[in-house]
Amino acid sequence: MNPTTALLVIDIQRGLFSKPTPVYQEQRLLDIINDLVSRAHAARAQVVIVQHENDSFLAPASDGWQLHPSLKPGEHYLSVRKHHASAFNGTDLKAELAARGVTRVVIVGVVTQGCVKATCQDAIKLGYETVLVKDGHSSYAKDAAQLIETWNQRLASEGANVKPAAEIEF
């Protein structure tokens, strides 16, 4: 068990899965994230569900803002609402993690080249041991497969530990 680890689930919201171009490997991504959430809860790691808010398709309480219906966050999780790409920018996430003694973050979600990237970069800058789940993030971009690979490599070079979901331990 590792209560110093938090799983950050970034923007698994209806509106981001309803774009004209579908999220790359959507069902596989959701299955991986749900498995990681279950494993994190079993290990008593902190699960953090992050939701983006804006004035259009992710307006608070709108259908698009709601969590994806296939996401199974469990009963006990920390909810964070954000208005910027990074889950750390303009939120109380850093303070919430500090209050819980979290020093390691495991990051999954959408979109790779936006909020996932920004959250990883800020986690590294803030001194967290940062793990990006190699097969646990995606995008609705037409070149999603290449974007995912590019950002896995780039974020690894910036200090993230990039590992497949099967190798993640909590």
Protein backbone atom coordinates (compact mmCIF):
# COMPACT_ATOMS: atom_id res chain seq x y z
CA MET A 1 0.00 0.00 0.00
CA ASN A 2 1.22 3.46 -0.83
CA PRO A 3 -0.72 6.40 0.56
CA THR A 4 1.98 8.73 -0.80
CA THR A 5 0.82 8.05 -4.38
CA ALA A 6 -2.08 9.72 -6.17
CA LEU A 7 -3.69 8.67 -9.44
CA LEU A 8 -4.65 11.80 -11.40
CA VAL A 9 -7.47 11.08 -13.87
CA ILE A 10 -7.56 14.01 -16.28
CA ASP A 11 -10.72 15.17 -18.09
CA ILE A 12 -12.58 11.92 -18.71
CA GLN A 13 -15.70 13.92 -19.56
CA ARG A 14 -18.53 13.39 -22.03
CA GLY A 15 -17.76 16.53 -24.03
CA LEU A 16 -14.22 15.43 -24.82
CA PHE A 17 -15.46 12.05 -26.03
CA SER A 18 -18.12 13.60 -28.29
CA LYS A 19 -15.89 15.32 -30.82
CA PRO A 20 -16.25 14.69 -34.59
CA THR A 21 -12.98 12.72 -34.45
CA PRO A 22 -13.29 10.04 -31.76
CA VAL A 23 -10.79 9.59 -28.95
CA TYR A 24 -8.13 7.20 -30.19
CA GLN A 25 -8.67 3.69 -28.76
CA GLU A 26 -11.45 5.03 -26.54
CA GLN A 27 -12.69 1.77 -25.03
CA ARG A 28 -9.17 0.49 -24.40
CA LEU A 29 -8.30 3.77 -22.69
CA LEU A 30 -11.40 3.65 -20.47
CA ASP A 31 -10.70 0.02 -19.55
CA ILE A 32 -7.10 0.85 -18.60
CA ILE A 33 -8.15 3.86 -16.53
CA ASN A 34 -10.89 1.93 -14.72
CA ASP A 35 -8.42 -0.86 -13.92
CA LEU A 36 -5.91 1.67 -12.54
CA VAL A 37 -8.62 3.38 -10.46
CA SER A 38 -9.61 0.02 -8.99
CA ARG A 39 -5.99 -0.88 -8.23
CA ALA A 40 -5.33 2.54 -6.70
CA HIS A 41 -8.34 2.23 -4.40
CA ALA A 42 -7.26 -1.29 -3.39
CA ALA A 43 -3.81 0.05 -2.46
CA ARG A 44 -5.34 3.02 -0.61
CA ALA A 45 -3.68 5.46 -2.99
CA GLN A 46 -5.47 8.77 -3.49
CA VAL A 47 -7.65 8.91 -6.61
CA VAL A 48 -8.12 12.41 -8.04
CA ILE A 49 -10.78 13.03 -10.67
CA VAL A 50 -10.03 16.24 -12.57
CA GLN A 51 -12.70 17.98 -14.64
CA HIS A 52 -12.11 20.87 -17.01
CA GLU A 53 -14.58 23.74 -17.06
CA ASN A 54 -15.13 26.35 -19.76
CA ASP A 55 -17.92 28.54 -21.11
CA SER A 56 -18.87 26.24 -23.97
CA PHE A 57 -19.05 22.45 -24.25
CA LEU A 58 -17.56 21.88 -20.76
CA ALA A 59 -19.74 24.37 -18.89
CA PRO A 60 -20.21 23.31 -15.25
CA ALA A 61 -23.12 20.90 -14.77
CA SER A 62 -23.72 20.62 -18.53
CA ASP A 63 -23.96 17.22 -20.19
CA GLY A 64 -20.50 17.67 -21.74
CA TRP A 65 -18.97 18.50 -18.36
CA GLN A 66 -20.22 15.26 -16.76
CA LEU A 67 -17.86 12.34 -16.29
CA HIS A 68 -17.86 9.80 -19.10
CA PRO A 69 -20.56 7.22 -18.26
CA SER A 70 -18.04 4.35 -18.51
CA LEU A 71 -15.67 5.87 -15.95
CA LYS A 72 -15.91 4.12 -12.59
CA PRO A 73 -14.25 6.48 -10.09
CA GLY A 74 -15.40 4.61 -6.99
CA GLU A 75 -16.99 6.16 -3.94
CA HIS A 76 -13.99 7.91 -2.41
CA TYR A 77 -12.03 10.32 -4.55
CA LEU A 78 -10.85 13.89 -4.56
CA SER A 79 -12.62 16.06 -7.13
CA VAL A 80 -10.71 18.93 -8.75
CA ARG A 81 -12.21 21.46 -11.16
CA LYS A 82 -9.85 23.38 -13.40
CA HIS A 83 -10.00 26.21 -15.94
CA HIS A 84 -6.49 25.82 -17.36
CA ALA A 85 -4.66 22.97 -19.07
CA SER A 86 -2.70 21.90 -15.99
CA ALA A 87 -4.56 20.39 -13.05
CA PHE A 88 -2.17 22.35 -10.82
CA ASN A 89 -2.78 25.79 -12.38
CA GLY A 90 -5.37 27.81 -10.47
CA THR A 91 -6.56 24.87 -8.33
CA ASP A 92 -5.91 23.66 -4.81
CA LEU A 93 -4.51 20.34 -6.07
CA LYS A 94 -0.97 20.95 -4.78
CA ALA A 95 -2.28 21.84 -1.29
CA GLU A 96 -4.65 18.85 -1.27
CA LEU A 97 -1.84 16.46 -2.21
CA ALA A 98 0.50 18.00 0.37
CA ALA A 99 -2.14 17.63 3.09
CA ARG A 100 -2.34 13.93 2.25
CA GLY A 101 1.44 13.40 2.11
CA VAL A 102 1.45 12.62 -1.62
CA THR A 103 4.89 12.73 -3.26
CA ARG A 104 4.23 10.59 -6.35
CA VAL A 105 1.60 11.14 -9.05
CA VAL A 106 0.47 8.69 -11.71
CA ILE A 107 -1.18 10.49 -14.63
CA VAL A 108 -3.83 9.28 -17.11
CA GLY A 109 -6.48 10.99 -19.22
CA VAL A 110 -7.16 13.21 -22.21
CA VAL A 111 -5.95 15.04 -24.19
CA THR A 112 -2.35 13.97 -24.58
CA GLN A 113 -0.99 17.16 -26.16
CA GLY A 114 -3.02 19.47 -23.89
CA CYS A 115 -4.07 18.83 -20.31
CA VAL A 116 -2.13 15.58 -19.84
CA LYS A 117 1.09 17.17 -21.08
CA ALA A 118 0.61 20.36 -19.02
CA THR A 119 -0.23 18.45 -15.83
CA CYS A 120 2.84 16.20 -16.27
CA GLN A 121 5.13 19.16 -16.87
CA ASP A 122 3.83 21.02 -13.81
CA ALA A 123 4.06 17.90 -11.62
CA ILE A 124 7.72 17.53 -12.62
CA LYS A 125 8.42 21.23 -11.94
CA LEU A 126 6.72 20.96 -8.54
CA GLY A 127 9.01 18.07 -7.56
CA TYR A 128 6.59 15.16 -7.66
CA GLU A 129 7.81 11.77 -8.73
CA THR A 130 5.81 11.82 -11.95
CA VAL A 131 4.62 8.68 -13.71
CA LEU A 132 2.88 8.99 -17.07
CA VAL A 133 0.95 5.86 -17.98
CA LYS A 134 2.20 5.17 -21.51
CA ASP A 135 -1.07 3.58 -22.65
CA GLY A 136 -3.29 5.57 -20.29
CA HIS A 137 -3.72 8.81 -22.22
CA SER A 138 -5.14 9.68 -25.61
CA SER A 139 -6.45 12.35 -27.94
CA TYR A 140 -9.15 12.94 -30.51
CA ALA A 141 -6.59 14.35 -32.97
CA LYS A 142 -6.40 12.59 -36.34
CA ASP A 143 -2.72 11.80 -35.72
CA ALA A 144 -3.34 10.63 -32.13
CA ALA A 145 -1.13 7.54 -32.29
CA GLN A 146 1.87 9.63 -33.33
CA LEU A 147 1.05 12.38 -30.80
CA ILE A 148 0.90 9.85 -27.98
CA GLU A 149 4.27 8.36 -28.91
CA THR A 150 5.86 11.80 -29.36
CA TRP A 151 4.65 13.03 -25.97
CA ASN A 152 5.61 9.79 -24.22
CA GLN A 153 9.17 10.33 -25.46
CA ARG A 154 9.24 14.07 -24.83
CA LEU A 155 7.82 13.85 -21.30
CA ALA A 156 10.25 11.04 -20.49
CA SER A 157 13.10 13.32 -21.58
CA GLU A 158 11.67 16.05 -19.30
CA GLY A 159 11.70 13.76 -16.25
CA ALA A 160 8.51 11.69 -16.27
CA ASN A 161 8.76 7.97 -15.69
CA VAL A 162 6.75 6.61 -18.65
CA LYS A 163 5.43 3.09 -17.99
CA PRO A 164 2.67 0.89 -19.40
CA ALA A 165 -0.38 0.36 -17.19
CA ALA A 166 0.56 -3.27 -16.56
CA GLU A 167 3.74 -2.11 -14.78
CA ILE A 168 2.12 0.52 -12.56
CA GLU A 169 2.29 -0.20 -8.85
CA PHE A 170 0.53 1.75 -6.15
